[in-house]
C-alpha atoms as a PDB file:
ATOM      1  CA  MET A   1      18.325  17.224  23.282  1.00  0.00           C
ATOM      2  CA  ALA A   2      14.664  18.133  22.931  1.00  0.00           C
ATOM      3  CA  ALA A   3      13.631  20.077  19.845  1.00  0.00           C
ATOM      4  CA  SER A   4      12.652  23.010  22.075  1.00  0.00           C
ATOM      5  CA  HIS A   5      16.301  23.297  23.209  1.00  0.00           C
ATOM      6  CA  LEU A   6      17.661  23.818  19.706  1.00  0.00           C
ATOM      7  CA  ASP A   7      19.126  27.226  19.068  1.00  0.00           C
ATOM      8  CA  ASP A   8      18.481  29.299  15.953  1.00  0.00           C
ATOM      9  CA  ILE A   9      21.500  27.871  14.114  1.00  0.00           C
ATOM     10  CA  ASP A  10      20.383  24.294  14.848  1.00  0.00           C
ATOM     11  CA  GLN A  11      16.916  25.173  13.512  1.00  0.00           C
ATOM     12  CA  GLN A  12      18.461  26.650  10.354  1.00  0.00           C
ATOM     13  CA  LEU A  13      20.564  23.519   9.841  1.00  0.00           C
ATOM     14  CA  LEU A  14      17.532  21.278  10.316  1.00  0.00           C
ATOM     15  CA  ALA A  15      15.528  23.346   7.832  1.00  0.00           C
ATOM     16  CA  ALA A  16      18.319  23.200   5.259  1.00  0.00           C
ATOM     17  CA  LEU A  17      18.797  19.438   5.704  1.00  0.00           C
ATOM     18  CA  THR A  18      15.044  18.846   5.538  1.00  0.00           C
ATOM     19  CA  ALA A  19      14.953  20.679   2.213  1.00  0.00           C
ATOM     20  CA  ASP A  20      18.062  18.889   0.907  1.00  0.00           C
ATOM     21  CA  ALA A  21      19.585  16.138   3.058  1.00  0.00           C
ATOM     22  CA  ARG A  22      22.505  15.898   0.626  1.00  0.00           C
ATOM     23  CA  MET A  23      23.530  19.535   0.975  1.00  0.00           C
ATOM     24  CA  PRO A  24      27.339  19.687   1.197  1.00  0.00           C
ATOM     25  CA  MET A  25      28.859  20.671   4.526  1.00  0.00           C
ATOM     26  CA  VAL A  26      30.477  23.739   2.934  1.00  0.00           C
ATOM     27  CA  ALA A  27      27.060  24.988   1.744  1.00  0.00           C
ATOM     28  CA  LEU A  28      25.510  24.390   5.178  1.00  0.00           C
ATOM     29  CA  ALA A  29      28.403  26.235   6.825  1.00  0.00           C
ATOM     30  CA  SER A  30      27.923  29.156   4.460  1.00  0.00           C
ATOM     31  CA  LYS A  31      24.177  29.314   5.246  1.00  0.00           C
ATOM     32  CA  VAL A  32      24.720  29.593   8.999  1.00  0.00           C
ATOM     33  CA  HIS A  33      28.038  31.484   8.919  1.00  0.00           C
ATOM     34  CA  LEU A  34      30.027  28.840  10.805  1.00  0.00           C
ATOM     35  CA  SER A  35      33.004  26.667   9.920  1.00  0.00           C
ATOM     36  CA  ARG A  36      32.443  23.268   8.340  1.00  0.00           C
ATOM     37  CA  ASN A  37      33.834  21.647  11.486  1.00  0.00           C
ATOM     38  CA  ALA A  38      31.395  23.546  13.742  1.00  0.00           C
ATOM     39  CA  VAL A  39      28.479  22.531  11.502  1.00  0.00           C
ATOM     40  CA  ARG A  40      29.633  18.892  11.434  1.00  0.00           C
ATOM     41  CA  GLN A  41      29.829  18.873  15.258  1.00  0.00           C
ATOM     42  CA  ARG A  42      26.313  20.332  15.556  1.00  0.00           C
ATOM     43  CA  ILE A  43      24.893  17.770  13.129  1.00  0.00           C
ATOM     44  CA  GLU A  44      26.661  14.922  14.923  1.00  0.00           C
ATOM     45  CA  ARG A  45      25.267  16.184  18.253  1.00  0.00           C
ATOM     46  CA  MET A  46      21.722  16.348  16.831  1.00  0.00           C
ATOM     47  CA  GLU A  47      22.116  12.806  15.453  1.00  0.00           C
ATOM     48  CA  ARG A  48      23.428  11.544  18.799  1.00  0.00           C
ATOM     49  CA  ASP A  49      20.597  13.281  20.684  1.00  0.00           C
ATOM     50  CA  GLY A  50      17.945  11.861  18.372  1.00  0.00           C
ATOM     51  CA  VAL A  51      16.918  15.179  16.850  1.00  0.00           C
ATOM     52  CA  ILE A  52      18.062  13.829  13.481  1.00  0.00           C
ATOM     53  CA  ALA A  53      16.993  10.196  13.215  1.00  0.00           C
ATOM     54  CA  GLY A  54      18.281   9.542   9.724  1.00  0.00           C
ATOM     55  CA  TYR A  55      18.376  10.540   6.104  1.00  0.00           C
ATOM     56  CA  SER A  56      16.200   9.119   3.367  1.00  0.00           C
ATOM     57  CA  VAL A  57      15.485   9.157  -0.319  1.00  0.00           C
ATOM     58  CA  ILE A  58      12.163  10.619  -1.430  1.00  0.00           C
ATOM     59  CA  ARG A  59      11.107   9.175  -4.759  1.00  0.00           C
ATOM     60  CA  GLY A  60      10.447  11.588  -7.565  1.00  0.00           C
ATOM     61  CA  THR A  61       7.200  11.429  -9.513  1.00  0.00           C
ATOM     62  CA  ALA A  62       8.885   9.447 -12.325  1.00  0.00           C
ATOM     63  CA  SER A  63       9.656   6.543  -9.990  1.00  0.00           C
ATOM     64  CA  ARG A  64       6.743   6.890  -7.554  1.00  0.00           C
ATOM     65  CA  PRO A  65       4.264   4.018  -7.452  1.00  0.00           C
ATOM     66  CA  ARG A  66       1.037   4.809  -9.256  1.00  0.00           C
ATOM     67  CA  VAL A  67      -1.541   3.825  -6.630  1.00  0.00           C
ATOM     68  CA  THR A  68      -1.850   5.009  -3.029  1.00  0.00           C
ATOM     69  CA  ALA A  69      -4.385   3.282  -0.803  1.00  0.00           C
ATOM     70  CA  LEU A  70      -5.384   3.951   2.787  1.00  0.00           C
ATOM     71  CA  VAL A  71      -6.473   0.987   4.907  1.00  0.00           C
ATOM     72  CA  MET A  72      -8.129   1.384   8.287  1.00  0.00           C
ATOM     73  CA  VAL A  73      -7.701  -1.808  10.316  1.00  0.00           C
ATOM     74  CA  TYR A  74      -9.789  -2.935  13.284  1.00  0.00           C
ATOM     75  CA  ARG A  75      -7.976  -5.548  15.364  1.00  0.00           C
ATOM     76  CA  VAL A  76      -9.781  -8.221  17.364  1.00  0.00           C
ATOM     77  CA  ASP A  77      -7.776  -7.464  20.515  1.00  0.00           C
ATOM     78  CA  ARG A  78      -7.715  -3.699  19.961  1.00  0.00           C
ATOM     79  CA  MET A  79      -4.311  -2.563  21.294  1.00  0.00           C
ATOM     80  CA  ARG A  80      -2.688  -5.527  23.035  1.00  0.00           C
ATOM     81  CA  ASP A  81      -1.283  -7.623  20.191  1.00  0.00           C
ATOM     82  CA  ASP A  82       1.579  -6.477  17.925  1.00  0.00           C
ATOM     83  CA  ARG A  83       1.335  -9.429  15.480  1.00  0.00           C
ATOM     84  CA  VAL A  84      -0.588  -7.349  12.946  1.00  0.00           C
ATOM     85  CA  ILE A  85       1.974  -4.534  13.023  1.00  0.00           C
ATOM     86  CA  ALA A  86       4.821  -7.053  12.763  1.00  0.00           C
ATOM     87  CA  ALA A  87       3.177  -8.597   9.685  1.00  0.00           C
ATOM     88  CA  LEU A  88       2.653  -5.155   8.118  1.00  0.00           C
ATOM     89  CA  ARG A  89       6.380  -4.448   8.494  1.00  0.00           C
ATOM     90  CA  GLY A  90       6.982  -7.365   6.129  1.00  0.00           C
ATOM     91  CA  ILE A  91       4.940  -5.823   3.294  1.00  0.00           C
ATOM     92  CA  PRO A  92       7.246  -3.509   1.289  1.00  0.00           C
ATOM     93  CA  GLU A  93       4.358  -1.448  -0.101  1.00  0.00           C
ATOM     94  CA  VAL A  94       3.296  -0.409   3.420  1.00  0.00           C
ATOM     95  CA  THR A  95       4.911   3.008   3.699  1.00  0.00           C
ATOM     96  CA  ARG A  96       3.292   4.080   6.955  1.00  0.00           C
ATOM     97  CA  CYS A  97       1.263   2.632   9.815  1.00  0.00           C
ATOM     98  CA  ASP A  98      -0.258   4.815  12.517  1.00  0.00           C
ATOM     99  CA  VAL A  99      -1.937   3.546  15.696  1.00  0.00           C
ATOM    100  CA  LEU A 100      -5.255   5.373  16.088  1.00  0.00           C
ATOM    101  CA  SER A 101      -7.746   6.234  18.767  1.00  0.00           C
ATOM    102  CA  GLY A 102     -11.403   5.725  17.921  1.00  0.00           C
ATOM    103  CA  ALA A 103     -13.198   3.012  15.969  1.00  0.00           C
ATOM    104  CA  TYR A 104     -10.216   1.728  14.014  1.00  0.00           C
ATOM    105  CA  ASP A 105      -6.883   0.712  15.497  1.00  0.00           C
ATOM    106  CA  LEU A 106      -4.466   1.195  12.601  1.00  0.00           C
ATOM    107  CA  PHE A 107      -4.223   3.576   9.655  1.00  0.00           C
ATOM    108  CA  VAL A 108      -2.058   1.955   6.983  1.00  0.00           C
ATOM    109  CA  THR A 109      -0.755   3.736   3.882  1.00  0.00           C
ATOM    110  CA  LEU A 110       0.144   1.591   0.866  1.00  0.00           C
ATOM    111  CA  GLU A 111       1.979   2.664  -2.262  1.00  0.00           C
ATOM    112  CA  ALA A 112       1.699  -0.003  -4.958  1.00  0.00           C
ATOM    113  CA  ASP A 113       2.376  -0.379  -8.663  1.00  0.00           C
ATOM    114  CA  SER A 114      -1.204  -1.289  -9.566  1.00  0.00           C
ATOM    115  CA  MET A 115      -4.759  -1.703  -8.293  1.00  0.00           C
ATOM    116  CA  ASP A 116      -4.257  -5.462  -8.606  1.00  0.00           C
ATOM    117  CA  ARG A 117      -1.366  -5.241  -6.145  1.00  0.00           C
ATOM    118  CA  VAL A 118      -3.475  -3.084  -3.781  1.00  0.00           C
ATOM    119  CA  GLY A 119      -6.126  -5.822  -3.902  1.00  0.00           C
ATOM    120  CA  GLN A 120      -3.559  -8.512  -3.128  1.00  0.00           C
ATOM    121  CA  ILE A 121      -2.227  -6.545  -0.171  1.00  0.00           C
ATOM    122  CA  TRP A 122      -5.756  -5.856   1.092  1.00  0.00           C
ATOM    123  CA  GLU A 123      -6.509  -9.599   0.983  1.00  0.00           C
ATOM    124  CA  GLN A 124      -3.249 -10.290   2.822  1.00  0.00           C
ATOM    125  CA  ILE A 125      -4.066  -7.741   5.556  1.00  0.00           C
ATOM    126  CA  ALA A 126      -7.691  -8.885   5.907  1.00  0.00           C
ATOM    127  CA  ALA A 127      -6.520 -12.509   6.343  1.00  0.00           C
ATOM    128  CA  LEU A 128      -4.005 -11.712   9.097  1.00  0.00           C
ATOM    129  CA  PRO A 129      -4.735 -13.353  12.454  1.00  0.00           C
ATOM    130  CA  GLY A 130      -6.027 -10.620  14.731  1.00  0.00           C
ATOM    131  CA  VAL A 131      -7.642  -8.473  12.009  1.00  0.00           C
ATOM    132  CA  ALA A 132     -11.393  -8.157  12.563  1.00  0.00           C
ATOM    133  CA  ASP A 133     -12.282  -5.691   9.803  1.00  0.00           C
ATOM    134  CA  THR A 134     -10.812  -3.238   7.301  1.00  0.00           C
ATOM    135  CA  VAL A 135     -11.978  -0.228   5.323  1.00  0.00           C
ATOM    136  CA  THR A 136      -9.935   0.728   2.260  1.00  0.00           C
ATOM    137  CA  ALA A 137      -9.892   3.942   0.242  1.00  0.00           C
ATOM    138  CA  VAL A 138      -7.835   4.668  -2.858  1.00  0.00           C
ATOM    139  CA  SER A 139      -6.291   8.099  -3.311  1.00  0.00           C
ATOM    140  CA  LEU A 140      -7.523   9.813  -6.496  1.00  0.00           C
ATOM    141  CA  SER A 141      -4.942  12.593  -6.322  1.00  0.00           C
ATOM    142  CA  ARG A 142      -2.583  14.249  -3.860  1.00  0.00           C
ATOM    143  CA  ALA A 143      -3.519  17.855  -3.167  1.00  0.00           C
ATOM    144  CA  ILE A 144      -0.752  18.535  -0.600  1.00  0.00           C
ATOM    145  CA  ASP A 145       2.531  16.680  -0.137  1.00  0.00           C
ATOM    146  CA  ARG A 146       4.911  18.128   2.460  1.00  0.00           C
ATOM    147  CA  ARG A 147       7.338  15.192   2.468  1.00  0.00           C
END
């Protein structure tokens, strides 16, 4: 089911689950004025159709790593080789990797416990076969966080 084919109740359920993925079924049912069973069936359908891909834990500020770094990666082969992405998957501090258009191929977000760890990860990424160049920036503060 494409997101454009969701009805108003599906949209309300998605909004409620996005705000609180642990919201009890009875509370969801109350929000949309349906039975718990009807809500469960809708959620199961959205999961099956790929509208809901999963549920996750978002760390609170007390447990969030202290340093966020952004690494732009230029690969030797540009877009044809997935070895760099496969290696990035093995680094637990890599929280996101986007494939880009333009000068750089990958935009990698790191969340680490210290600047020393950011430096270690940067050295690891720069040494990967297929990486031609990197540019790294460290986040000073987060002005907007819609996660």
